[in-house]
Amino acid sequence: MTEKKEQIIQTFQNGRTEDELRLFPFAVAGLVCFTIAVVLGTGSWFVFGSRNRLNIQTAAETNFPSVNAEKPAEIQALPPAMEVNPVIAANEKTLPEGVVEVAAGEFTIGGGETKLPVERVFVRNFSIAETEVTNAQYAEFVKETNHSAPPDWQNGQFQKGKDNFPVTNVSFQDAEAFCKWLEKKIGLPVRLPTEAEWEKAARGNGANKYPWGGEWNKEAVISKENGGQISAVKSFALNRSPFGAYDMVGNVWEWTQDTVGKNEAVTDEEVKEALEKGQVLRIVKGGSSLIPAAQISAQARYEIPENTKVPSVGFRYIIERK
């Protein structure tokens, strides 16, 4: 390398060193200023910015709570329009034993064996007695109210061993009096069912001819062909409706609220004559064990004067639901 070239390189290196030395204090000062700026900026964000962000986030979560977040008690509570009705809640707690629930909904009545026009009706939810009212239950009513006992009872007492047999030889008025007594006793609305309510409780939501299905089953109920006698309630496990009510076909006919109008079809001339004489006719349902199997079904109905008392007619009650 020539001497002149070495001098040029040396001069350049010396100059660069002197420039670096002169710039060093400025670099240090810049770094210090940058560090201070970062520290002050971060602190300001935490002091002012983060609080605002927290307030905004809190407000947003209050108005639009996260689906996955655990909701506080006040959010979990139902709005007033959806709260449980206290009357219904009370009914749920005070329903007596021996009743089953029947859900509200539309139900088709008529047609088939009834010779009545098919009609679609809406039935409110209600509770119905699991069995027909028994002799023992009716005896308690007679004792507390001094109501007259059925004419077949001896000295006001039913036959020994018949406690759980359905009470019979009671008129529509007798059945209504029992319902009013029970209503006062339990503090809930009690009455006889309408024909539509009775039939829905017996058939379920479908179109069953019998509580157990669409075909006759001699193991499910007694008829005239296989003995023709009334039994204690719940004697046949198969004779149970989809809602859980026993013996709604066979055993004994059951009173309903429904009446027969003068322009309606009636069963026979005797019934027609009673209607023409001005007697109030009520519908009884289900058939009894004293008649042929062909006449027993959930649609079976007959019209009789409301003051009638016969050995094959009893009743069950319903509890209205608010």
Protein backbone atom coordinates (compact mmCIF):
# COMPACT_ATOMS: atom_id res chain seq x y z
CA MET A 1 0.00 0.00 0.00
CA THR A 2 1.41 3.46 -0.86
CA GLU A 3 2.21 5.98 1.83
CA LYS A 4 -0.34 8.40 0.47
CA LYS A 5 -3.13 5.81 0.62
CA GLU A 6 -2.30 4.90 4.23
CA GLN A 7 -2.50 8.54 5.21
CA ILE A 8 -5.94 8.90 3.63
CA ILE A 9 -7.28 5.79 5.49
CA GLN A 10 -5.78 6.93 8.80
CA THR A 11 -7.26 10.38 8.37
CA PHE A 12 -10.71 8.88 7.70
CA GLN A 13 -10.59 6.59 10.78
CA ASN A 14 -9.41 9.42 13.02
CA GLY A 15 -12.17 11.65 11.73
CA ARG A 16 -14.82 9.00 12.33
CA THR A 17 -13.65 8.47 15.88
CA GLU A 18 -13.75 12.17 16.63
CA ASP A 19 -17.29 12.38 15.12
CA GLU A 20 -18.45 9.41 17.22
CA LEU A 21 -17.04 10.99 20.34
CA ARG A 22 -18.82 14.25 19.61
CA LEU A 23 -22.20 12.42 18.99
CA PHE A 24 -22.05 10.14 22.03
CA PRO A 25 -23.43 12.69 24.57
CA PHE A 26 -26.38 13.40 22.26
CA ALA A 27 -27.13 9.68 21.92
CA VAL A 28 -27.09 9.21 25.68
CA ALA A 29 -29.35 12.21 26.18
CA GLY A 30 -31.80 10.91 23.53
CA LEU A 31 -31.97 7.51 25.13
CA VAL A 32 -32.68 9.05 28.54
CA CYS A 33 -35.44 11.26 27.10
CA PHE A 34 -37.03 8.30 25.30
CA THR A 35 -37.02 6.21 28.48
CA ILE A 36 -38.60 9.04 30.48
CA ALA A 37 -41.27 9.52 27.81
CA VAL A 38 -42.17 5.83 27.81
CA VAL A 39 -42.42 5.71 31.60
CA LEU A 40 -44.56 8.86 31.79
CA GLY A 41 -46.81 7.74 28.95
CA THR A 42 -47.45 4.30 30.42
CA GLY A 43 -48.20 5.77 33.82
CA SER A 44 -50.64 8.26 32.35
CA TRP A 45 -52.48 5.48 30.50
CA PHE A 46 -52.88 3.45 33.67
CA VAL A 47 -54.01 6.50 35.66
CA PHE A 48 -56.46 7.91 33.13
CA GLY A 49 -56.99 5.65 30.12
CA SER A 50 -57.43 2.30 31.90
CA ARG A 51 -60.11 3.71 34.22
CA ASN A 52 -62.14 4.95 31.30
CA ARG A 53 -61.76 1.58 29.56
CA LEU A 54 -62.84 -0.19 32.75
CA ASN A 55 -65.91 2.05 33.04
CA ILE A 56 -66.87 1.39 29.42
CA GLN A 57 -66.34 -2.35 29.77
CA THR A 58 -68.36 -2.45 33.01
CA ALA A 59 -71.22 -0.58 31.38
CA ALA A 60 -71.18 -2.90 28.39
CA GLU A 61 -71.18 -6.02 30.56
CA THR A 62 -74.10 -4.65 32.60
CA ASN A 63 -76.26 -4.07 29.52
CA PHE A 64 -75.10 -7.08 27.50
CA PRO A 65 -73.86 -9.74 29.93
CA SER A 66 -71.63 -12.43 28.51
CA VAL A 67 -73.43 -15.69 27.72
CA ASN A 68 -70.65 -17.69 29.35
CA ALA A 69 -70.28 -15.44 32.37
CA GLU A 70 -71.85 -16.45 35.66
CA LYS A 71 -74.86 -14.17 36.04
CA PRO A 72 -75.47 -12.36 39.33
CA ALA A 73 -78.65 -13.12 41.22
CA GLU A 74 -80.48 -10.01 39.99
CA ILE A 75 -79.90 -11.03 36.35
CA GLN A 76 -80.90 -14.63 36.95
CA ALA A 77 -84.24 -13.59 38.44
CA LEU A 78 -87.19 -13.79 36.02
CA PRO A 79 -88.73 -10.51 34.88
CA PRO A 80 -92.13 -9.71 36.46
CA ALA A 81 -94.07 -10.93 33.40
CA MET A 82 -92.51 -14.40 33.73
CA GLU A 83 -92.65 -14.88 37.48
CA VAL A 84 -94.57 -17.87 38.84
CA ASN A 85 -98.18 -17.01 39.58
CA PRO A 86 -98.55 -17.20 43.39
CA VAL A 87 -102.04 -18.75 43.04
CA ILE A 88 -100.67 -21.56 40.87
CA ALA A 89 -97.74 -21.99 43.27
CA ALA A 90 -100.20 -22.28 46.15
CA ASN A 91 -102.27 -24.82 44.23
CA GLU A 92 -99.16 -26.90 43.59
CA LYS A 93 -98.41 -27.01 47.30
CA THR A 94 -101.90 -27.72 48.58
CA LEU A 95 -103.28 -30.26 46.09
CA PRO A 96 -104.61 -33.23 48.06
CA GLU A 97 -103.35 -36.74 47.53
CA GLY A 98 -105.17 -38.92 45.06
CA VAL A 99 -105.38 -36.52 42.11
CA VAL A 100 -103.54 -36.52 38.79
CA GLU A 101 -102.67 -33.71 36.41
CA VAL A 102 -104.30 -33.23 33.00
CA ALA A 103 -102.46 -30.80 30.73
CA ALA A 104 -104.24 -28.01 28.85
CA GLY A 105 -104.69 -28.28 25.11
CA GLU A 106 -107.06 -28.91 22.23
CA PHE A 107 -109.11 -32.08 22.22
CA THR A 108 -111.49 -33.68 19.72
CA ILE A 109 -114.84 -34.83 21.07
CA GLY A 110 -117.75 -36.47 19.28
CA GLY A 111 -117.81 -38.77 16.29
CA GLY A 112 -117.41 -42.53 16.49
CA GLU A 113 -119.99 -44.26 18.67
CA THR A 114 -121.41 -41.01 20.05
CA LYS A 115 -123.29 -40.09 16.84
CA LEU A 116 -122.42 -36.49 17.69
CA PRO A 117 -120.66 -34.08 15.32
CA VAL A 118 -116.89 -33.97 15.70
CA GLU A 119 -115.88 -30.87 17.63
CA ARG A 120 -112.47 -29.48 18.45
CA VAL A 121 -112.43 -27.88 21.90
CA PHE A 122 -109.76 -26.30 24.10
CA VAL A 123 -109.52 -27.78 27.58
CA ARG A 124 -107.72 -25.88 30.33
CA ASN A 125 -105.34 -27.71 32.63
CA PHE A 126 -106.93 -29.29 35.68
CA SER A 127 -106.46 -32.05 38.24
CA ILE A 128 -108.82 -35.01 38.39
CA ALA A 129 -109.44 -37.59 41.09
CA GLU A 130 -107.30 -40.65 40.50
CA THR A 131 -110.31 -42.90 41.26
CA GLU A 132 -114.04 -42.64 41.66
CA VAL A 133 -115.09 -41.24 45.03
CA THR A 134 -115.20 -44.20 47.41
CA ASN A 135 -117.66 -45.19 50.10
CA ALA A 136 -115.12 -44.26 52.76
CA GLN A 137 -114.61 -40.78 51.30
CA TYR A 138 -118.33 -40.20 50.93
CA ALA A 139 -118.95 -41.40 54.50
CA GLU A 140 -116.62 -38.68 55.80
CA PHE A 141 -118.66 -36.11 53.85
CA VAL A 142 -121.93 -37.51 55.24
CA LYS A 143 -120.58 -37.44 58.80
CA GLU A 144 -119.34 -33.85 58.64
CA THR A 145 -122.35 -32.36 56.85
CA ASN A 146 -125.27 -34.60 57.94
CA HIS A 147 -126.03 -35.08 54.27
CA SER A 148 -128.32 -38.03 53.58
CA ALA A 149 -126.51 -41.30 52.93
CA PRO A 150 -127.14 -43.35 49.77
CA PRO A 151 -130.41 -45.35 50.01
CA ASP A 152 -128.62 -48.71 49.90
CA TRP A 153 -126.58 -47.98 53.06
CA GLN A 154 -127.90 -49.54 56.25
CA ASN A 155 -128.41 -47.07 59.12
CA GLY A 156 -126.24 -44.57 57.31
CA GLN A 157 -123.35 -47.04 56.98
CA PHE A 158 -121.99 -48.68 53.86
CA GLN A 159 -121.55 -52.46 53.72
CA LYS A 160 -118.58 -53.79 55.68
CA GLY A 161 -115.51 -54.39 53.52
CA LYS A 162 -116.66 -51.95 50.84
CA ASP A 163 -114.51 -49.00 51.96
CA ASN A 164 -112.63 -48.76 48.64
CA PHE A 165 -115.58 -49.45 46.37
CA PRO A 166 -117.00 -46.50 44.42
CA VAL A 167 -119.98 -44.85 46.08
CA THR A 168 -123.15 -45.32 44.00
CA ASN A 169 -126.85 -44.50 44.34
CA VAL A 170 -125.94 -40.81 44.44
CA SER A 171 -127.66 -38.14 42.34
CA PHE A 172 -126.02 -35.29 40.48
CA GLN A 173 -127.02 -32.98 43.35
CA ASP A 174 -125.39 -35.35 45.86
CA ALA A 175 -122.17 -35.32 43.84
CA GLU A 176 -122.23 -31.52 43.63
CA ALA A 177 -122.77 -31.24 47.39
CA PHE A 178 -119.72 -33.46 47.97
CA CYS A 179 -117.64 -31.19 45.68
CA LYS A 180 -118.70 -28.05 47.59
CA TRP A 181 -117.81 -29.72 50.89
CA LEU A 182 -114.40 -30.77 49.59
CA GLU A 183 -113.79 -27.30 48.17
CA LYS A 184 -114.24 -25.75 51.61
CA LYS A 185 -112.10 -28.45 53.15
CA ILE A 186 -109.06 -27.97 50.89
CA GLY A 187 -109.54 -24.32 49.89
CA LEU A 188 -109.41 -24.98 46.15
CA PRO A 189 -112.14 -24.92 43.45
CA VAL A 190 -113.71 -28.38 43.18
CA ARG A 191 -116.48 -29.46 40.79
CA LEU A 192 -117.66 -32.24 38.51
CA PRO A 193 -115.91 -32.47 35.13
CA THR A 194 -117.44 -31.47 31.83
CA GLU A 195 -117.82 -34.25 29.28
CA ALA A 196 -114.80 -32.94 27.33
CA GLU A 197 -112.64 -32.79 30.48
CA TRP A 198 -113.71 -36.26 31.54
CA GLU A 199 -113.05 -37.74 28.12
CA LYS A 200 -109.63 -36.12 27.77
CA ALA A 201 -108.62 -37.44 31.19
CA ALA A 202 -109.74 -40.92 30.07
CA ARG A 203 -108.32 -40.99 26.54
CA GLY A 204 -105.20 -38.82 26.82
CA ASN A 205 -104.17 -36.48 24.02
CA GLY A 206 -104.64 -39.17 21.38
CA ALA A 207 -107.74 -40.90 20.08
CA ASN A 208 -107.70 -44.02 22.25
CA LYS A 209 -111.01 -45.83 22.48
CA TYR A 210 -110.00 -47.11 25.91
CA PRO A 211 -107.62 -45.70 28.52
CA TRP A 212 -105.11 -48.46 27.71
CA GLY A 213 -105.31 -48.23 23.89
CA GLY A 214 -107.49 -48.95 20.88
CA GLU A 215 -108.51 -52.58 21.46
CA TRP A 216 -110.72 -54.21 24.08
CA ASN A 217 -108.83 -56.11 26.78
CA LYS A 218 -110.85 -58.34 29.10
CA GLU A 219 -107.95 -58.29 31.55
CA ALA A 220 -108.39 -54.54 32.01
CA VAL A 221 -112.03 -54.34 33.11
CA ILE A 222 -114.99 -56.50 34.09
CA SER A 223 -118.03 -56.48 31.82
CA LYS A 224 -121.32 -58.37 31.79
CA GLU A 225 -119.65 -61.18 29.82
CA ASN A 226 -117.04 -61.95 32.46
CA GLY A 227 -118.84 -61.50 35.73
CA GLY A 228 -120.73 -58.23 35.64
CA GLN A 229 -119.81 -56.91 39.07
CA ILE A 230 -118.47 -53.63 40.47
CA SER A 231 -114.97 -53.81 41.96
CA ALA A 232 -112.86 -51.85 44.43
CA VAL A 233 -111.07 -48.91 42.81
CA LYS A 234 -107.64 -49.64 41.32
CA SER A 235 -108.44 -53.35 40.99
CA PHE A 236 -107.09 -53.41 37.43
CA ALA A 237 -103.67 -51.91 36.76
CA LEU A 238 -104.32 -51.93 33.00
CA ASN A 239 -107.42 -49.77 33.37
CA ARG A 240 -105.40 -46.59 33.79
CA SER A 241 -105.49 -43.55 31.53
CA PRO A 242 -102.39 -41.86 30.00
CA PHE A 243 -102.71 -39.20 32.71
CA GLY A 244 -102.85 -41.79 35.50
CA ALA A 245 -106.60 -41.95 36.33
CA TYR A 246 -107.98 -45.43 37.13
CA ASP A 247 -111.28 -47.09 36.17
CA MET A 248 -112.50 -44.45 33.74
CA VAL A 249 -114.24 -47.13 31.70
CA GLY A 250 -116.33 -49.85 33.28
CA ASN A 251 -116.88 -50.23 37.00
CA VAL A 252 -119.52 -47.44 37.30
CA TRP A 253 -120.93 -44.67 35.12
CA GLU A 254 -119.73 -41.22 36.22
CA TRP A 255 -121.62 -37.94 36.41
CA THR A 256 -120.50 -34.93 34.37
CA GLN A 257 -121.74 -31.33 34.32
CA ASP A 258 -123.07 -31.45 30.77
CA THR A 259 -126.80 -31.30 30.12
CA VAL A 260 -128.86 -32.43 27.14
CA GLY A 261 -130.80 -29.86 25.13
CA LYS A 262 -134.22 -30.49 23.56
CA ASN A 263 -132.77 -30.42 20.06
CA GLU A 264 -129.99 -32.90 20.82
CA ALA A 265 -130.02 -36.59 20.01
CA VAL A 266 -130.93 -38.83 22.94
CA THR A 267 -130.34 -42.52 23.57
CA ASP A 268 -133.86 -43.93 23.78
CA GLU A 269 -137.54 -43.12 24.06
CA GLU A 270 -137.54 -43.20 27.86
CA VAL A 271 -134.86 -40.51 27.96
CA LYS A 272 -136.69 -38.50 25.32
CA GLU A 273 -139.90 -38.65 27.36
CA ALA A 274 -138.09 -37.41 30.48
CA LEU A 275 -136.66 -34.52 28.48
CA GLU A 276 -140.08 -33.60 27.11
CA LYS A 277 -141.45 -33.53 30.66
CA GLY A 278 -138.95 -30.84 31.52
CA GLN A 279 -136.49 -32.92 33.52
CA VAL A 280 -132.86 -31.84 33.45
CA LEU A 281 -130.78 -34.59 31.90
CA ARG A 282 -127.06 -34.92 32.63
CA ILE A 283 -124.43 -36.91 30.75
CA VAL A 284 -122.85 -39.90 32.49
CA LYS A 285 -119.68 -41.38 31.01
CA GLY A 286 -117.65 -44.56 30.61
CA GLY A 287 -120.13 -47.39 31.03
CA SER A 288 -120.29 -49.83 33.93
CA SER A 289 -119.29 -53.40 34.63
CA LEU A 290 -122.95 -54.41 34.57
CA ILE A 291 -123.33 -53.90 30.81
CA PRO A 292 -121.88 -55.68 27.72
CA ALA A 293 -118.32 -54.95 26.65
CA ALA A 294 -119.54 -53.46 23.36
CA GLN A 295 -121.13 -50.60 25.30
CA ILE A 296 -118.06 -49.78 27.40
CA SER A 297 -115.52 -47.23 26.16
CA ALA A 298 -114.07 -43.81 26.90
CA GLN A 299 -116.62 -42.33 24.49
CA ALA A 300 -119.58 -44.16 26.01
CA ARG A 301 -122.27 -41.73 27.23
CA TYR A 302 -125.82 -41.86 28.47
CA GLU A 303 -128.39 -39.26 29.47
CA ILE A 304 -130.26 -39.56 32.78
CA PRO A 305 -132.29 -37.17 34.95
CA GLU A 306 -130.03 -35.36 37.42
CA ASN A 307 -132.05 -36.57 40.41
CA THR A 308 -131.54 -40.24 39.47
CA LYS A 309 -129.98 -42.58 42.04
CA VAL A 310 -128.98 -45.99 40.67
CA PRO A 311 -126.51 -48.72 41.76
CA SER A 312 -124.33 -48.29 38.67
CA VAL A 313 -123.69 -44.51 38.76
CA GLY A 314 -120.98 -42.78 40.80
CA PHE A 315 -118.66 -39.84 40.20
CA ARG A 316 -115.19 -38.33 40.46
CA TYR A 317 -114.28 -34.67 40.88
CA ILE A 318 -111.83 -32.26 39.34
CA ILE A 319 -109.85 -29.41 40.88
CA GLU A 320 -109.70 -26.29 38.74
CA ARG A 321 -106.26 -24.82 38.10
CA LYS A 322 -105.76 -21.07 37.82
